[in-house]
N, C-alpha and C. Protein backbone atom coordinates (compact mmCIF):
# COMPACT_ATOMS: atom_id res chain seq x y z
N MET A 1 72.55 -12.88 -18.71
CA MET A 1 73.12 -11.86 -17.85
C MET A 1 72.27 -10.64 -17.67
N SER A 2 72.30 -10.24 -16.25
CA SER A 2 71.61 -8.94 -16.06
C SER A 2 72.08 -7.83 -16.65
N ASN A 3 71.27 -6.51 -16.85
CA ASN A 3 71.72 -5.54 -17.55
C ASN A 3 72.74 -4.79 -16.60
N LEU A 4 72.53 -4.88 -15.32
CA LEU A 4 73.48 -4.44 -14.46
C LEU A 4 74.89 -5.05 -14.40
N VAL A 5 74.93 -6.33 -14.49
CA VAL A 5 76.18 -6.91 -14.58
C VAL A 5 76.85 -6.71 -15.67
N ARG A 6 76.10 -6.57 -16.95
CA ARG A 6 76.74 -6.19 -18.11
C ARG A 6 77.18 -4.71 -18.25
N ARG A 7 76.61 -3.76 -17.75
CA ARG A 7 76.78 -2.37 -17.68
C ARG A 7 78.23 -2.19 -16.78
N ARG A 8 78.23 -2.95 -15.56
CA ARG A 8 79.30 -2.61 -14.76
C ARG A 8 80.59 -3.40 -15.43
N ARG A 9 80.59 -4.62 -16.00
CA ARG A 9 81.65 -5.20 -16.63
C ARG A 9 81.97 -4.35 -17.81
N ASP A 10 81.25 -3.91 -18.62
CA ASP A 10 81.56 -2.95 -19.81
C ASP A 10 82.39 -1.77 -19.35
N GLU A 11 82.08 -1.17 -18.29
CA GLU A 11 82.57 0.03 -17.67
C GLU A 11 83.88 -0.26 -17.41
N LEU A 12 84.26 -1.45 -16.60
CA LEU A 12 85.48 -2.06 -16.17
C LEU A 12 86.45 -2.33 -17.38
N CYS A 13 85.75 -2.83 -18.50
CA CYS A 13 86.63 -3.04 -19.68
C CYS A 13 87.11 -1.79 -20.45
N GLU A 14 86.04 -0.72 -20.38
CA GLU A 14 86.38 0.41 -20.94
C GLU A 14 87.55 1.10 -20.30
N LEU A 15 87.72 1.07 -18.82
CA LEU A 15 88.65 1.54 -18.15
C LEU A 15 89.99 0.87 -18.59
N LEU A 16 89.94 -0.53 -18.42
CA LEU A 16 91.05 -1.03 -18.71
C LEU A 16 91.69 -1.03 -20.15
N ALA A 17 90.91 -0.98 -21.17
CA ALA A 17 91.24 -0.79 -22.42
C ALA A 17 91.61 0.56 -22.73
N GLY A 18 91.28 1.44 -22.02
CA GLY A 18 91.90 2.90 -22.21
C GLY A 18 92.99 3.52 -21.57
N LEU A 19 93.71 2.48 -20.50
CA LEU A 19 94.80 2.86 -19.89
C LEU A 19 96.11 3.08 -20.80
N SER A 20 96.80 3.98 -20.52
CA SER A 20 98.09 4.04 -21.19
C SER A 20 98.93 3.01 -20.79
N GLU A 21 100.14 2.66 -21.36
CA GLU A 21 101.07 1.71 -21.32
C GLU A 21 101.47 1.91 -19.73
N ASP A 22 101.86 3.19 -19.56
CA ASP A 22 102.42 3.41 -18.11
C ASP A 22 101.33 3.17 -17.12
N GLN A 23 100.12 3.44 -17.30
CA GLN A 23 98.95 3.17 -16.32
C GLN A 23 98.75 1.68 -16.18
N TRP A 24 98.76 1.00 -17.26
CA TRP A 24 98.74 -0.32 -17.32
C TRP A 24 99.65 -1.26 -16.36
N ALA A 25 100.79 -0.53 -16.41
CA ALA A 25 102.01 -1.32 -15.84
C ALA A 25 101.99 -0.91 -14.45
N ALA A 26 101.31 0.23 -13.87
CA ALA A 26 101.57 1.10 -12.59
C ALA A 26 101.07 -0.16 -11.52
N GLU A 27 101.63 -0.09 -10.46
CA GLU A 27 101.01 -0.83 -9.11
C GLU A 27 99.63 -0.29 -8.87
N THR A 28 98.76 -1.33 -8.71
CA THR A 28 97.47 -1.02 -8.17
C THR A 28 97.35 -0.91 -6.61
N LEU A 29 96.12 -0.95 -6.08
CA LEU A 29 96.05 -0.91 -4.55
C LEU A 29 96.48 -2.25 -4.24
N CYS A 30 96.28 -3.37 -5.01
CA CYS A 30 96.76 -4.74 -4.54
C CYS A 30 98.24 -4.77 -4.69
N ALA A 31 98.98 -4.71 -3.72
CA ALA A 31 100.43 -4.62 -3.47
C ALA A 31 100.96 -5.79 -4.40
N GLY A 32 101.84 -5.26 -5.40
CA GLY A 32 102.62 -5.96 -6.35
C GLY A 32 101.91 -6.48 -7.79
N TRP A 33 100.68 -6.01 -7.97
CA TRP A 33 99.84 -6.31 -8.92
C TRP A 33 99.76 -5.12 -9.71
N ASP A 34 99.80 -5.19 -10.95
CA ASP A 34 99.55 -4.28 -11.88
C ASP A 34 98.04 -4.39 -12.63
N ALA A 35 97.59 -3.65 -13.43
CA ALA A 35 96.37 -3.85 -14.17
C ALA A 35 96.11 -5.09 -14.77
N GLY A 36 97.29 -5.74 -15.30
CA GLY A 36 97.08 -7.02 -16.07
C GLY A 36 96.98 -8.10 -14.92
N ASP A 37 97.46 -8.02 -13.71
CA ASP A 37 97.24 -8.84 -12.55
C ASP A 37 95.62 -8.99 -12.21
N ILE A 38 95.25 -7.63 -12.12
CA ILE A 38 93.75 -7.53 -11.58
C ILE A 38 92.99 -8.24 -12.78
N ALA A 39 92.98 -7.72 -14.09
CA ALA A 39 92.35 -8.44 -15.10
C ALA A 39 92.35 -10.06 -15.13
N ALA A 40 93.61 -10.60 -15.01
CA ALA A 40 93.83 -11.99 -14.89
C ALA A 40 93.28 -12.70 -13.67
N HIS A 41 93.26 -11.95 -12.50
CA HIS A 41 92.70 -12.52 -11.31
C HIS A 41 91.19 -12.59 -11.62
N LEU A 42 90.70 -11.60 -12.12
CA LEU A 42 89.03 -11.64 -12.19
C LEU A 42 88.74 -12.97 -13.27
N ILE A 43 89.71 -13.21 -14.25
CA ILE A 43 89.26 -14.08 -15.23
C ILE A 43 89.54 -15.48 -14.52
N THR A 44 90.58 -15.69 -13.73
CA THR A 44 90.99 -16.96 -13.08
C THR A 44 89.87 -17.03 -12.02
N ARG A 45 89.51 -16.21 -11.33
CA ARG A 45 88.40 -16.41 -10.28
C ARG A 45 87.08 -16.86 -10.80
N GLU A 46 86.70 -16.43 -12.09
CA GLU A 46 85.36 -16.84 -12.64
C GLU A 46 85.35 -17.88 -13.54
N ARG A 47 86.45 -18.14 -14.15
CA ARG A 47 86.43 -19.15 -15.26
C ARG A 47 87.21 -20.53 -14.83
N GLU A 48 87.99 -20.28 -13.81
CA GLU A 48 88.70 -21.46 -13.11
C GLU A 48 88.56 -21.49 -11.67
N PRO A 49 87.20 -21.80 -11.42
CA PRO A 49 87.10 -21.62 -9.86
C PRO A 49 87.81 -22.60 -9.04
N TRP A 50 88.18 -23.70 -9.61
CA TRP A 50 89.09 -24.82 -8.91
C TRP A 50 90.34 -24.00 -8.16
N THR A 51 90.73 -22.91 -8.73
CA THR A 51 91.94 -22.31 -8.23
C THR A 51 91.52 -21.36 -6.84
N GLY A 52 90.24 -21.22 -6.55
CA GLY A 52 89.72 -20.44 -5.51
C GLY A 52 90.30 -20.77 -4.10
N PRO A 53 90.62 -21.99 -3.67
CA PRO A 53 91.13 -22.24 -2.31
C PRO A 53 92.63 -21.59 -2.25
N GLY A 54 93.26 -21.20 -3.42
CA GLY A 54 94.51 -20.51 -3.18
C GLY A 54 94.45 -19.17 -2.94
N ILE A 55 93.28 -18.57 -3.19
CA ILE A 55 93.21 -17.10 -2.68
C ILE A 55 92.91 -16.96 -1.31
N VAL A 56 92.36 -18.08 -0.66
CA VAL A 56 92.09 -17.96 0.86
C VAL A 56 93.17 -18.57 1.55
N LEU A 57 93.64 -19.85 1.04
CA LEU A 57 94.62 -20.69 1.87
C LEU A 57 96.04 -20.26 1.67
N GLY A 58 96.39 -19.70 0.48
CA GLY A 58 97.77 -19.58 0.17
C GLY A 58 98.64 -20.94 0.04
N GLY A 59 99.81 -20.82 0.50
CA GLY A 59 100.77 -22.14 0.40
C GLY A 59 100.59 -22.63 -1.07
N PRO A 60 100.64 -24.18 -1.06
CA PRO A 60 100.73 -24.62 -2.40
C PRO A 60 99.53 -24.36 -3.25
N PHE A 61 98.45 -24.28 -2.70
CA PHE A 61 97.13 -23.75 -3.45
C PHE A 61 97.41 -22.43 -3.80
N GLY A 62 98.09 -21.62 -3.23
CA GLY A 62 98.29 -20.10 -3.54
C GLY A 62 99.18 -20.10 -4.84
N ALA A 63 100.38 -20.98 -4.77
CA ALA A 63 101.25 -21.11 -5.85
C ALA A 63 100.37 -21.51 -7.20
N LEU A 64 99.56 -22.38 -7.24
CA LEU A 64 98.68 -22.82 -8.15
C LEU A 64 97.94 -21.72 -8.73
N THR A 65 97.35 -21.02 -7.81
CA THR A 65 96.49 -19.84 -8.33
C THR A 65 97.21 -18.81 -9.02
N ASP A 66 98.51 -18.41 -8.53
CA ASP A 66 99.42 -17.58 -8.97
C ASP A 66 100.00 -17.94 -10.34
N ASN A 67 100.00 -19.36 -10.67
CA ASN A 67 100.57 -19.89 -12.07
C ASN A 67 99.54 -19.54 -12.94
N ARG A 68 98.16 -19.92 -12.51
CA ARG A 68 97.06 -19.62 -13.59
C ARG A 68 96.92 -18.20 -13.66
N ARG A 69 97.08 -17.28 -12.93
CA ARG A 69 96.99 -15.81 -13.07
C ARG A 69 98.00 -15.39 -14.00
N ASN A 70 99.15 -15.78 -13.68
CA ASN A 70 100.25 -15.31 -14.58
C ASN A 70 100.16 -15.87 -15.98
N ALA A 71 99.65 -17.20 -16.00
CA ALA A 71 99.34 -17.70 -17.37
C ALA A 71 98.44 -16.75 -18.19
N TRP A 72 97.43 -16.40 -17.66
CA TRP A 72 96.37 -15.58 -18.20
C TRP A 72 97.00 -14.18 -18.49
N LYS A 73 97.73 -13.67 -17.62
CA LYS A 73 98.32 -12.34 -17.88
C LYS A 73 99.14 -12.25 -19.20
N ALA A 74 99.98 -13.40 -19.18
CA ALA A 74 100.82 -13.67 -20.25
C ALA A 74 100.31 -13.37 -21.73
N ARG A 75 98.99 -13.54 -21.67
CA ARG A 75 98.42 -13.58 -23.04
C ARG A 75 98.22 -12.11 -23.52
N GLY A 76 98.39 -11.18 -22.72
CA GLY A 76 98.22 -9.79 -23.09
C GLY A 76 96.92 -8.92 -23.00
N ARG A 77 97.10 -7.78 -22.94
CA ARG A 77 95.88 -6.99 -22.66
C ARG A 77 94.70 -7.23 -23.57
N ASP A 78 94.90 -7.30 -24.84
CA ASP A 78 93.77 -7.43 -25.82
C ASP A 78 93.03 -8.74 -25.39
N VAL A 79 93.62 -9.90 -25.05
CA VAL A 79 92.83 -11.09 -24.80
C VAL A 79 92.21 -10.99 -23.34
N LEU A 80 93.01 -10.29 -22.52
CA LEU A 80 92.36 -10.25 -21.04
C LEU A 80 91.08 -9.32 -21.10
N VAL A 81 90.95 -8.34 -21.93
CA VAL A 81 89.97 -7.40 -22.06
C VAL A 81 88.84 -8.16 -22.80
N ARG A 82 89.23 -8.84 -23.82
CA ARG A 82 88.18 -9.30 -24.73
C ARG A 82 87.56 -10.45 -23.78
N THR A 83 88.30 -11.13 -23.11
CA THR A 83 87.58 -12.29 -22.15
C THR A 83 86.75 -11.75 -21.21
N LEU A 84 87.16 -10.79 -20.51
CA LEU A 84 86.38 -9.85 -19.46
C LEU A 84 85.09 -9.67 -20.28
N ARG A 85 85.26 -8.91 -21.42
CA ARG A 85 84.09 -8.27 -21.87
C ARG A 85 82.97 -9.14 -22.24
N SER A 86 83.45 -10.57 -22.48
CA SER A 86 82.38 -11.52 -22.75
C SER A 86 81.37 -11.91 -21.57
N GLY A 87 81.79 -11.41 -20.50
CA GLY A 87 80.93 -11.37 -19.20
C GLY A 87 81.36 -12.74 -18.41
N PRO A 88 81.00 -12.45 -17.05
CA PRO A 88 81.18 -13.75 -16.03
C PRO A 88 80.34 -14.86 -16.44
N PRO A 89 80.80 -16.04 -16.41
CA PRO A 89 79.73 -17.13 -16.46
C PRO A 89 78.78 -17.32 -15.31
N TRP A 90 77.80 -18.17 -15.57
CA TRP A 90 76.88 -18.43 -14.73
C TRP A 90 77.71 -19.43 -13.55
N PRO A 91 77.52 -19.35 -12.43
CA PRO A 91 76.37 -18.56 -11.70
C PRO A 91 76.93 -17.05 -11.45
N LEU A 92 77.94 -16.64 -11.80
CA LEU A 92 78.27 -15.18 -11.32
C LEU A 92 77.55 -14.19 -12.26
N SER A 93 76.97 -14.61 -13.25
CA SER A 93 76.05 -13.83 -14.05
C SER A 93 74.65 -13.98 -13.77
N GLY A 94 74.33 -14.94 -12.95
CA GLY A 94 72.67 -15.28 -12.50
C GLY A 94 72.70 -14.99 -10.96
N PRO A 95 72.59 -16.14 -10.28
CA PRO A 95 72.22 -16.14 -8.87
C PRO A 95 73.41 -15.51 -8.00
N LEU A 96 74.68 -15.43 -8.42
CA LEU A 96 75.63 -14.74 -7.60
C LEU A 96 76.13 -13.22 -8.46
N ALA A 97 75.32 -12.80 -9.02
CA ALA A 97 75.54 -11.54 -9.92
C ALA A 97 75.89 -10.48 -8.87
N ASN A 98 75.31 -10.34 -7.87
CA ASN A 98 75.46 -9.28 -6.93
C ASN A 98 76.93 -9.24 -6.43
N ALA A 99 77.39 -10.45 -6.03
CA ALA A 99 78.79 -10.56 -5.54
C ALA A 99 79.69 -10.13 -6.82
N GLN A 100 79.39 -10.48 -7.80
CA GLN A 100 80.45 -10.32 -9.06
C GLN A 100 80.41 -8.72 -9.17
N ILE A 101 79.34 -8.04 -9.10
CA ILE A 101 79.27 -6.69 -9.46
C ILE A 101 80.14 -6.03 -8.22
N VAL A 102 80.00 -6.40 -7.02
CA VAL A 102 80.71 -5.80 -6.09
C VAL A 102 82.40 -6.15 -6.31
N GLU A 103 82.67 -7.31 -6.56
CA GLU A 103 83.97 -7.75 -6.87
C GLU A 103 84.58 -6.86 -8.02
N ASP A 104 83.79 -6.62 -9.07
CA ASP A 104 84.32 -5.80 -10.29
C ASP A 104 84.52 -4.29 -10.02
N TRP A 105 83.58 -3.86 -8.98
CA TRP A 105 83.54 -2.56 -8.48
C TRP A 105 84.98 -2.11 -7.78
N ILE A 106 85.11 -3.08 -6.84
CA ILE A 106 86.22 -2.96 -5.91
C ILE A 106 87.69 -3.05 -6.72
N HIS A 107 87.81 -3.98 -7.65
CA HIS A 107 88.98 -4.15 -8.43
C HIS A 107 89.16 -2.85 -9.54
N GLU A 108 88.06 -2.46 -9.80
CA GLU A 108 88.15 -1.17 -10.73
C GLU A 108 88.85 0.03 -9.86
N GLN A 109 88.35 0.01 -8.63
CA GLN A 109 88.99 1.07 -7.74
C GLN A 109 90.45 0.96 -7.46
N ASP A 110 90.80 -0.38 -7.28
CA ASP A 110 92.09 -0.86 -7.08
C ASP A 110 93.10 -0.20 -8.27
N VAL A 111 92.62 -0.34 -9.53
CA VAL A 111 93.34 0.12 -10.68
C VAL A 111 93.53 1.84 -10.69
N ARG A 112 92.04 2.46 -10.58
CA ARG A 112 92.03 3.74 -10.53
C ARG A 112 92.91 4.44 -9.49
N ARG A 113 92.85 3.93 -8.24
CA ARG A 113 93.53 4.69 -7.15
C ARG A 113 94.85 4.21 -7.01
N GLY A 114 95.45 3.38 -7.66
CA GLY A 114 96.74 2.95 -7.47
C GLY A 114 97.70 3.83 -8.43
N GLY A 115 98.82 3.39 -9.04
CA GLY A 115 99.73 4.30 -9.65
C GLY A 115 99.04 4.86 -11.12
N ALA A 116 97.95 4.41 -11.42
CA ALA A 116 97.30 5.00 -12.59
C ALA A 116 96.85 6.31 -12.39
N GLY A 117 96.43 6.78 -11.03
CA GLY A 117 96.18 8.02 -10.64
C GLY A 117 95.09 8.75 -11.30
N LEU A 118 93.84 7.91 -11.43
CA LEU A 118 92.41 8.10 -11.98
C LEU A 118 91.49 8.38 -10.84
N THR A 119 90.54 9.38 -11.25
CA THR A 119 89.58 9.78 -10.16
C THR A 119 88.57 8.48 -10.12
N THR A 120 87.78 8.45 -9.12
CA THR A 120 86.68 7.56 -8.88
C THR A 120 85.25 8.17 -9.14
N PRO A 121 84.64 7.85 -9.97
CA PRO A 121 83.24 8.33 -10.13
C PRO A 121 82.26 7.98 -8.95
N VAL A 122 81.32 8.68 -8.75
CA VAL A 122 80.34 8.25 -7.64
C VAL A 122 79.49 7.16 -8.16
N PRO A 123 79.58 5.97 -7.30
CA PRO A 123 78.94 4.74 -7.76
C PRO A 123 77.51 4.93 -8.30
N ASP A 124 77.29 4.18 -9.34
CA ASP A 124 75.87 4.18 -9.87
C ASP A 124 74.92 3.90 -8.58
N THR A 125 73.83 4.68 -8.64
CA THR A 125 72.84 4.51 -7.65
C THR A 125 72.13 3.14 -7.53
N ALA A 126 72.20 2.46 -8.70
CA ALA A 126 71.71 1.16 -8.71
C ALA A 126 72.61 0.00 -7.97
N ILE A 127 73.98 0.47 -7.92
CA ILE A 127 74.68 -0.52 -7.15
C ILE A 127 74.99 -0.22 -5.62
N ALA A 128 74.59 1.13 -5.32
CA ALA A 128 74.84 1.48 -4.10
C ALA A 128 74.22 0.56 -2.92
N PRO A 129 73.19 -0.10 -2.95
CA PRO A 129 72.84 -0.99 -2.11
C PRO A 129 73.42 -2.25 -1.97
N LEU A 130 73.97 -2.66 -3.17
CA LEU A 130 74.79 -3.77 -3.06
C LEU A 130 76.18 -3.59 -2.50
N LEU A 131 76.70 -2.44 -2.63
CA LEU A 131 78.02 -2.05 -1.94
C LEU A 131 77.77 -1.88 -0.35
N TRP A 132 76.69 -1.52 -0.15
CA TRP A 132 76.42 -1.33 1.35
C TRP A 132 76.30 -2.67 1.92
N THR A 133 75.44 -3.70 1.36
CA THR A 133 75.28 -4.93 1.79
C THR A 133 76.58 -5.77 1.89
N ALA A 134 77.54 -5.52 0.86
CA ALA A 134 78.89 -5.96 1.16
C ALA A 134 79.72 -5.62 1.94
N ALA A 135 79.62 -4.16 2.10
CA ALA A 135 80.36 -3.53 3.42
C ALA A 135 79.98 -4.24 4.67
N LYS A 136 78.79 -4.23 4.85
CA LYS A 136 78.25 -4.91 6.05
C LYS A 136 78.80 -6.35 6.41
N ARG A 137 78.73 -7.13 5.16
CA ARG A 137 79.20 -8.56 5.51
C ARG A 137 80.69 -8.52 5.54
N PHE A 138 81.46 -7.90 4.97
CA PHE A 138 82.97 -7.89 4.99
C PHE A 138 83.43 -7.30 6.29
N ALA A 139 82.66 -6.39 6.84
CA ALA A 139 83.11 -5.78 8.08
C ALA A 139 83.19 -6.69 9.32
N THR A 140 82.18 -7.61 9.24
CA THR A 140 81.98 -8.53 10.48
C THR A 140 83.26 -9.41 10.37
N ARG A 141 83.92 -9.66 9.20
CA ARG A 141 85.15 -10.50 9.10
C ARG A 141 86.58 -9.53 9.26
N THR A 142 86.55 -8.63 8.70
CA THR A 142 87.74 -7.79 8.58
C THR A 142 88.02 -6.97 9.83
N LEU A 143 86.89 -6.56 10.67
CA LEU A 143 86.99 -5.73 11.69
C LEU A 143 86.92 -6.41 12.91
N ALA A 144 87.17 -7.91 12.80
CA ALA A 144 87.37 -8.75 14.11
C ALA A 144 88.49 -8.42 14.83
N LEU A 145 88.21 -7.59 16.24
CA LEU A 145 89.26 -7.25 17.06
C LEU A 145 89.43 -7.97 18.04
N ASP A 146 90.62 -7.84 18.78
CA ASP A 146 91.16 -8.51 19.97
C ASP A 146 90.41 -7.64 21.26
N GLY A 147 89.15 -7.93 21.35
CA GLY A 147 88.40 -7.23 22.37
C GLY A 147 86.83 -7.46 22.16
N ASP A 148 86.08 -6.60 22.77
CA ASP A 148 84.66 -6.56 22.44
C ASP A 148 84.10 -5.27 22.17
N VAL A 149 84.50 -4.83 20.96
CA VAL A 149 84.41 -3.44 20.40
C VAL A 149 83.28 -3.23 19.53
N VAL A 150 82.44 -2.38 19.85
CA VAL A 150 81.25 -1.94 19.06
C VAL A 150 81.44 -0.92 17.94
N VAL A 151 81.39 -1.25 16.80
CA VAL A 151 81.54 -0.43 15.66
C VAL A 151 80.52 -0.15 14.82
N GLU A 152 80.29 1.25 14.34
CA GLU A 152 79.28 1.60 13.59
C GLU A 152 79.82 2.17 12.21
N LEU A 153 79.23 1.53 11.20
CA LEU A 153 79.44 2.08 9.68
C LEU A 153 78.46 3.04 9.57
N THR A 154 78.70 4.05 8.84
CA THR A 154 77.62 4.98 8.45
C THR A 154 78.11 5.89 7.37
N ASP A 155 77.06 6.15 6.52
CA ASP A 155 77.34 7.03 5.36
C ASP A 155 76.57 8.32 5.68
N GLY A 156 76.00 8.42 6.87
CA GLY A 156 75.17 9.44 7.24
C GLY A 156 73.56 9.35 7.24
N THR A 157 73.19 8.22 6.39
CA THR A 157 71.83 7.88 6.12
C THR A 157 71.68 6.46 6.63
N ARG A 158 72.60 5.67 6.07
CA ARG A 158 72.42 4.16 6.47
C ARG A 158 73.52 3.95 7.69
N HIS A 159 73.08 3.16 8.60
CA HIS A 159 73.92 2.85 9.79
C HIS A 159 73.83 1.28 10.03
N HIS A 160 75.03 0.69 10.45
CA HIS A 160 75.00 -0.64 10.83
C HIS A 160 76.09 -0.65 12.08
N ARG A 161 75.62 -1.36 12.99
CA ARG A 161 76.35 -1.24 14.36
C ARG A 161 76.45 -2.85 14.61
N PHE A 162 77.65 -3.25 14.84
CA PHE A 162 77.94 -4.42 15.18
C PHE A 162 79.09 -4.69 16.21
N ARG A 163 79.21 -5.91 16.97
CA ARG A 163 80.25 -6.07 17.78
C ARG A 163 81.48 -6.75 16.82
N ALA A 164 82.42 -6.13 16.98
CA ALA A 164 83.62 -6.40 16.17
C ALA A 164 84.67 -7.33 17.14
N ARG A 165 84.53 -8.54 17.19
CA ARG A 165 85.18 -9.30 18.00
C ARG A 165 85.66 -10.75 17.36
N ARG A 166 86.58 -11.22 17.71
CA ARG A 166 87.10 -12.52 17.30
C ARG A 166 86.30 -13.69 17.62
N VAL A 167 85.76 -13.73 18.86
CA VAL A 167 84.77 -14.63 19.22
C VAL A 167 83.64 -14.52 18.64
N LEU A 168 83.01 -15.43 18.13
CA LEU A 168 81.82 -15.33 17.47
C LEU A 168 81.62 -14.19 16.51
N PRO A 169 82.58 -14.13 15.68
CA PRO A 169 82.71 -12.88 14.52
C PRO A 169 81.54 -12.87 13.85
N LEU A 170 80.56 -13.74 13.77
CA LEU A 170 79.36 -13.64 12.77
C LEU A 170 78.20 -13.03 13.53
N ALA A 171 78.39 -12.61 14.81
CA ALA A 171 77.59 -12.02 15.49
C ALA A 171 76.74 -10.93 14.87
N GLY A 172 75.51 -10.80 14.99
CA GLY A 172 74.62 -9.77 14.18
C GLY A 172 74.84 -8.40 14.73
N SER A 173 73.81 -7.53 14.35
CA SER A 173 73.80 -6.32 14.82
C SER A 173 73.65 -6.07 16.18
N THR A 174 73.81 -4.77 16.70
CA THR A 174 73.72 -4.54 18.21
C THR A 174 73.13 -3.00 18.32
N THR A 175 72.61 -2.71 19.42
CA THR A 175 72.14 -1.36 19.66
C THR A 175 72.83 -0.85 20.79
N ALA A 176 73.78 -1.49 21.23
CA ALA A 176 74.88 -1.16 22.26
C ALA A 176 75.46 0.21 21.73
N PRO A 177 75.92 1.17 22.59
CA PRO A 177 76.73 2.47 22.25
C PRO A 177 77.93 1.97 21.35
N ALA A 178 78.26 2.81 20.28
CA ALA A 178 79.43 2.49 19.52
C ALA A 178 80.71 3.01 20.30
N ASP A 179 81.76 2.24 20.23
CA ASP A 179 83.06 2.60 20.63
C ASP A 179 83.88 3.32 19.61
N LEU A 180 83.44 2.91 18.09
CA LEU A 180 84.17 3.33 17.09
C LEU A 180 82.91 3.57 15.98
N ILE A 181 83.17 4.68 15.47
CA ILE A 181 82.23 5.34 14.31
C ILE A 181 83.05 5.36 13.01
N VAL A 182 82.87 4.57 11.90
CA VAL A 182 83.68 4.84 10.81
C VAL A 182 82.70 5.44 9.77
N THR A 183 82.94 6.75 9.25
CA THR A 183 82.09 7.38 8.34
C THR A 183 82.63 7.54 6.96
N GLY A 184 81.65 7.36 6.08
CA GLY A 184 82.23 7.66 4.75
C GLY A 184 80.94 7.33 3.59
N SER A 185 81.35 7.70 2.39
CA SER A 185 80.36 7.32 1.44
C SER A 185 80.21 5.79 1.33
N VAL A 186 79.09 5.07 0.91
CA VAL A 186 78.99 3.78 0.82
C VAL A 186 80.20 3.04 0.04
N GLY A 187 80.63 3.65 -0.98
CA GLY A 187 81.89 3.10 -1.69
C GLY A 187 83.06 3.10 -1.00
N GLU A 188 83.23 4.05 -0.11
CA GLU A 188 84.54 4.31 0.68
C GLU A 188 84.37 3.31 1.98
N LEU A 189 83.26 3.25 2.47
CA LEU A 189 83.17 2.27 3.53
C LEU A 189 83.69 0.86 2.99
N LEU A 190 82.99 0.36 1.86
CA LEU A 190 83.32 -0.75 1.42
C LEU A 190 84.80 -1.11 1.00
N LEU A 191 85.50 0.14 0.59
CA LEU A 191 87.05 -0.25 0.26
C LEU A 191 87.73 -0.27 1.72
N TYR A 192 87.22 0.58 2.39
CA TYR A 192 87.88 0.42 3.90
C TYR A 192 87.88 -0.93 4.59
N VAL A 193 86.54 -1.59 4.54
CA VAL A 193 86.50 -2.74 5.30
C VAL A 193 87.28 -3.91 4.29
N ALA A 194 87.45 -3.58 2.93
CA ALA A 194 87.88 -4.63 2.26
C ALA A 194 89.47 -4.23 2.23
N GLY A 195 90.07 -3.62 3.15
CA GLY A 195 91.57 -3.34 3.54
C GLY A 195 92.27 -2.49 2.82
N ARG A 196 91.47 -1.65 1.89
CA ARG A 196 92.02 -0.51 1.02
C ARG A 196 92.24 0.70 1.99
N ASP A 197 93.63 1.08 2.28
CA ASP A 197 93.88 2.20 2.89
C ASP A 197 93.70 3.57 2.28
N ALA A 198 93.44 3.53 0.74
CA ALA A 198 93.29 4.67 0.19
C ALA A 198 91.79 5.11 0.25
N ALA A 199 90.90 4.33 1.05
CA ALA A 199 89.50 4.55 1.12
C ALA A 199 89.36 6.01 2.07
N ASP A 200 88.52 6.87 1.63
CA ASP A 200 88.30 8.13 2.26
C ASP A 200 87.26 8.13 3.43
N VAL A 201 87.73 7.83 4.49
CA VAL A 201 86.65 7.66 5.64
C VAL A 201 87.25 8.35 6.81
N ALA A 202 86.56 8.78 7.85
CA ALA A 202 86.70 9.21 9.00
C ALA A 202 86.44 8.23 10.31
N ILE A 203 87.29 8.38 11.15
CA ILE A 203 87.07 7.11 12.18
C ILE A 203 87.16 8.11 13.66
N ASP A 204 86.13 7.93 14.28
CA ASP A 204 86.06 8.59 15.52
C ASP A 204 85.66 7.58 16.60
N GLY A 205 86.05 7.92 17.99
CA GLY A 205 85.70 6.98 19.03
C GLY A 205 86.65 6.67 20.14
N ASP A 206 86.64 5.86 20.91
CA ASP A 206 87.53 5.59 21.86
C ASP A 206 89.09 5.22 21.60
N ASP A 207 89.98 5.75 22.29
CA ASP A 207 91.40 5.80 21.68
C ASP A 207 91.96 4.38 21.83
N ASP A 208 91.39 3.62 22.77
CA ASP A 208 91.91 2.00 22.85
C ASP A 208 91.38 1.41 21.76
N ALA A 209 90.11 1.68 21.41
CA ALA A 209 89.46 0.98 20.29
C ALA A 209 90.18 1.36 18.88
N GLN A 210 90.42 2.79 18.82
CA GLN A 210 91.09 3.28 17.48
C GLN A 210 92.42 2.62 17.41
N SER A 211 93.12 2.22 18.52
CA SER A 211 94.33 1.61 18.38
C SER A 211 94.24 0.20 18.05
N LEU A 212 93.40 -0.65 18.54
CA LEU A 212 92.97 -1.93 18.08
C LEU A 212 92.52 -2.03 16.51
N LEU A 213 91.73 -1.05 16.18
CA LEU A 213 91.44 -0.82 14.76
C LEU A 213 92.92 -0.61 13.92
N ALA A 214 93.61 0.21 14.41
CA ALA A 214 94.67 0.66 13.60
C ALA A 214 95.91 -0.60 13.37
N SER A 215 95.84 -1.44 14.37
CA SER A 215 96.75 -2.56 14.38
C SER A 215 96.19 -3.75 13.61
N SER A 216 94.95 -3.69 13.02
CA SER A 216 94.24 -4.89 12.59
C SER A 216 94.74 -4.87 11.05
N THR A 217 94.57 -5.99 10.50
CA THR A 217 94.94 -6.00 9.12
C THR A 217 93.85 -5.86 8.08
N ARG A 218 92.41 -5.91 8.43
CA ARG A 218 91.37 -5.67 7.59
C ARG A 218 91.56 -6.58 6.37
N SER A 219 91.92 -7.82 6.46
CA SER A 219 92.33 -8.54 5.27
C SER A 219 91.06 -9.52 5.01
N LEU A 220 90.70 -9.59 3.75
CA LEU A 220 89.56 -10.53 3.42
C LEU A 220 90.22 -11.97 3.39
C-alpha cells in the first residue's frame, strides 16, 4: 500500500474515531446518511465489489447494496473504523489507489460539512493533482447539459475547458470561448462536480447557460 493511500486513510479514520456521538449521528452531505453510513459504504464498496452495480443502477441491485451497507453499519463504530484502518484491499491499494484517495477525500468532506459542522483543511499538496484529475473526469459526466455549453473549470492556475453536452458527453477539451466559468480551489471544484451543493465555488457566464446548470442534477 502506498504511503499516500495509508496517510489519507489514517486521516479519515482519525476523523471518524474522534466524532462525538451527536456528530456521528448527524446527517452528512449524502442525504439520509450519517457517518456510519459513509464508513459502511466505503467498506462495502472496497470489500464487496459485487454490490457495485447497486450504486449505479439502483432498483433491486440498489436494495442489495443497501442491505450490505446496513449490515456493516450495524456492527458499530469500532468495527467500522478498525476495518477501514486496515486499508483498502488490492487493487484499490495498488493500481487504483488514486481513485481510492479521491473517494476517501470526498466522503471525508461529506462528514465534515454535514451536521458535524467541522472545518475542512486545505488538501494535502500531494493529492491536489489527483483531485484536479478527478474533477475534470467527473465534470464531463455530471455537467452534461441540454445544449452545447462550453464550461471552464479553474482554480486560477489550472484551467479545463470542455463542451458540456449530453450528446457525445465524453468529448475532450476545447479552446472555444467559455459560456460558463466555475472558479474555486481544486477541492471545491471536485466537490461541486461531484454534486455537493456545499462546495465553495463562483459561477459566472451566460444567463441561459447558468439556468441550464442550475437545473442539472450533477449526479455521479
